[in-house]
Amino acid sequence: MMISRARILFLLVFVLLAPMTLGASQLHESVADLEPFLGTWELDATWSHGATVWSKAIYRPIVDGRFVEIKTWVSDNGGPVYLRYHSVLSPGEKE
């Protein structure tokens, strides 16, 4: 599979500009259970009807480790990569 110049540029810019994440010990107690999900997750798959999908999700702590930000980029059928989802999680205080 040939990697397009746009994808190489996207990955290069992403790697250079991606902010550093906090370590697990710096997470607030309310989001500590989400620690196993922190980092980068990538999927390259084919749907049952033959269409392909590539996605990359990045889970990182923000605001002094009190929230977890999730950004998911997607490319359908080898098309352009775009930001599909941008979410912020905070489960709240532990009881």
Protein backbone atom coordinates (compact mmCIF):
# COMPACT_ATOMS: atom_id res chain seq x y z
CA MET A 1 0.00 0.00 0.00
CA MET A 2 1.42 3.36 -1.03
CA ILE A 3 1.30 6.06 1.61
CA SER A 4 0.19 9.41 0.21
CA ARG A 5 2.17 12.60 0.75
CA ALA A 6 -0.81 14.11 2.57
CA ARG A 7 -0.87 11.24 5.08
CA ILE A 8 2.89 11.48 5.64
CA LEU A 9 2.60 15.25 6.15
CA PHE A 10 -0.34 14.76 8.55
CA LEU A 11 1.57 12.22 10.63
CA LEU A 12 4.74 14.34 10.65
CA VAL A 13 2.87 17.46 11.77
CA PHE A 14 0.93 15.45 14.34
CA VAL A 15 4.08 13.93 15.85
CA LEU A 16 5.83 17.30 16.02
CA LEU A 17 2.88 19.22 17.43
CA ALA A 18 1.23 16.62 19.68
CA PRO A 19 1.30 17.87 23.26
CA MET A 20 2.91 15.77 25.96
CA THR A 21 0.54 13.89 28.23
CA LEU A 22 0.62 13.59 31.98
CA GLY A 23 1.77 10.36 33.54
CA ALA A 24 -0.76 8.09 35.22
CA SER A 25 0.39 9.27 38.66
CA GLN A 26 -0.59 12.85 37.69
CA LEU A 27 -4.21 12.00 36.89
CA HIS A 28 -6.88 13.31 39.21
CA GLU A 29 -8.62 10.65 41.28
CA SER A 30 -11.89 11.16 39.35
CA VAL A 31 -10.35 10.00 36.05
CA ALA A 32 -7.74 7.56 37.37
CA ASP A 33 -9.82 4.58 36.17
CA LEU A 34 -9.38 5.83 32.58
CA GLU A 35 -5.58 5.51 32.74
CA PRO A 36 -5.46 2.24 30.71
CA PHE A 37 -7.08 4.07 27.78
CA LEU A 38 -4.57 6.93 27.64
CA GLY A 39 -2.39 7.06 24.56
CA THR A 40 -2.91 6.51 20.85
CA TRP A 41 -5.19 3.85 19.39
CA GLU A 42 -5.19 3.08 15.68
CA LEU A 43 -7.56 0.97 13.58
CA ASP A 44 -7.20 -0.15 9.96
CA ALA A 45 -10.11 -2.36 8.92
CA THR A 46 -12.47 -3.43 6.16
CA TRP A 47 -16.25 -3.44 6.64
CA SER A 48 -18.22 -6.56 5.64
CA HIS A 49 -19.44 -4.76 2.49
CA GLY A 50 -15.81 -4.09 1.39
CA ALA A 51 -15.34 -0.42 2.32
CA THR A 52 -12.14 0.37 4.21
CA VAL A 53 -11.69 2.62 7.21
CA TRP A 54 -8.63 3.93 9.02
CA SER A 55 -8.88 5.80 12.30
CA LYS A 56 -6.65 7.10 15.05
CA ALA A 57 -7.90 8.10 18.49
CA ILE A 58 -5.80 9.95 21.03
CA TYR A 59 -6.79 9.93 24.70
CA ARG A 60 -4.89 12.45 26.83
CA PRO A 61 -5.36 14.12 30.20
CA ILE A 62 -6.03 17.87 30.23
CA VAL A 63 -6.70 20.60 32.83
CA ASP A 64 -4.32 19.31 35.49
CA GLY A 65 -5.38 15.71 34.87
CA ARG A 66 -9.04 16.32 35.80
CA PHE A 67 -10.43 15.58 32.32
CA VAL A 68 -9.57 13.25 29.44
CA GLU A 69 -9.69 14.68 25.92
CA ILE A 70 -10.35 12.32 23.02
CA LYS A 71 -9.76 13.23 19.38
CA THR A 72 -10.53 10.75 16.61
CA TRP A 73 -9.34 11.19 13.03
CA VAL A 74 -10.79 9.05 10.24
CA SER A 75 -10.17 8.21 6.59
CA ASP A 76 -12.92 6.37 4.70
CA ASN A 77 -11.92 4.28 1.65
CA GLY A 78 -8.47 5.90 1.47
CA GLY A 79 -9.94 9.41 1.32
CA PRO A 80 -8.68 12.44 3.20
CA VAL A 81 -8.06 12.24 6.93
CA TYR A 82 -10.43 14.39 8.97
CA LEU A 83 -11.31 14.98 12.62
CA ARG A 84 -14.58 13.10 13.16
CA TYR A 85 -14.96 13.23 16.95
CA HIS A 86 -13.66 15.54 19.67
CA SER A 87 -14.83 14.68 23.20
CA VAL A 88 -13.95 15.51 26.79
CA LEU A 89 -14.64 13.06 29.61
CA SER A 90 -14.87 13.66 33.34
CA PRO A 91 -16.57 10.88 35.30
CA GLY A 92 -16.98 13.09 38.36
CA GLU A 93 -15.85 12.65 41.92
CA LYS A 94 -15.62 9.14 43.34
CA GLU A 95 -18.20 8.30 45.95
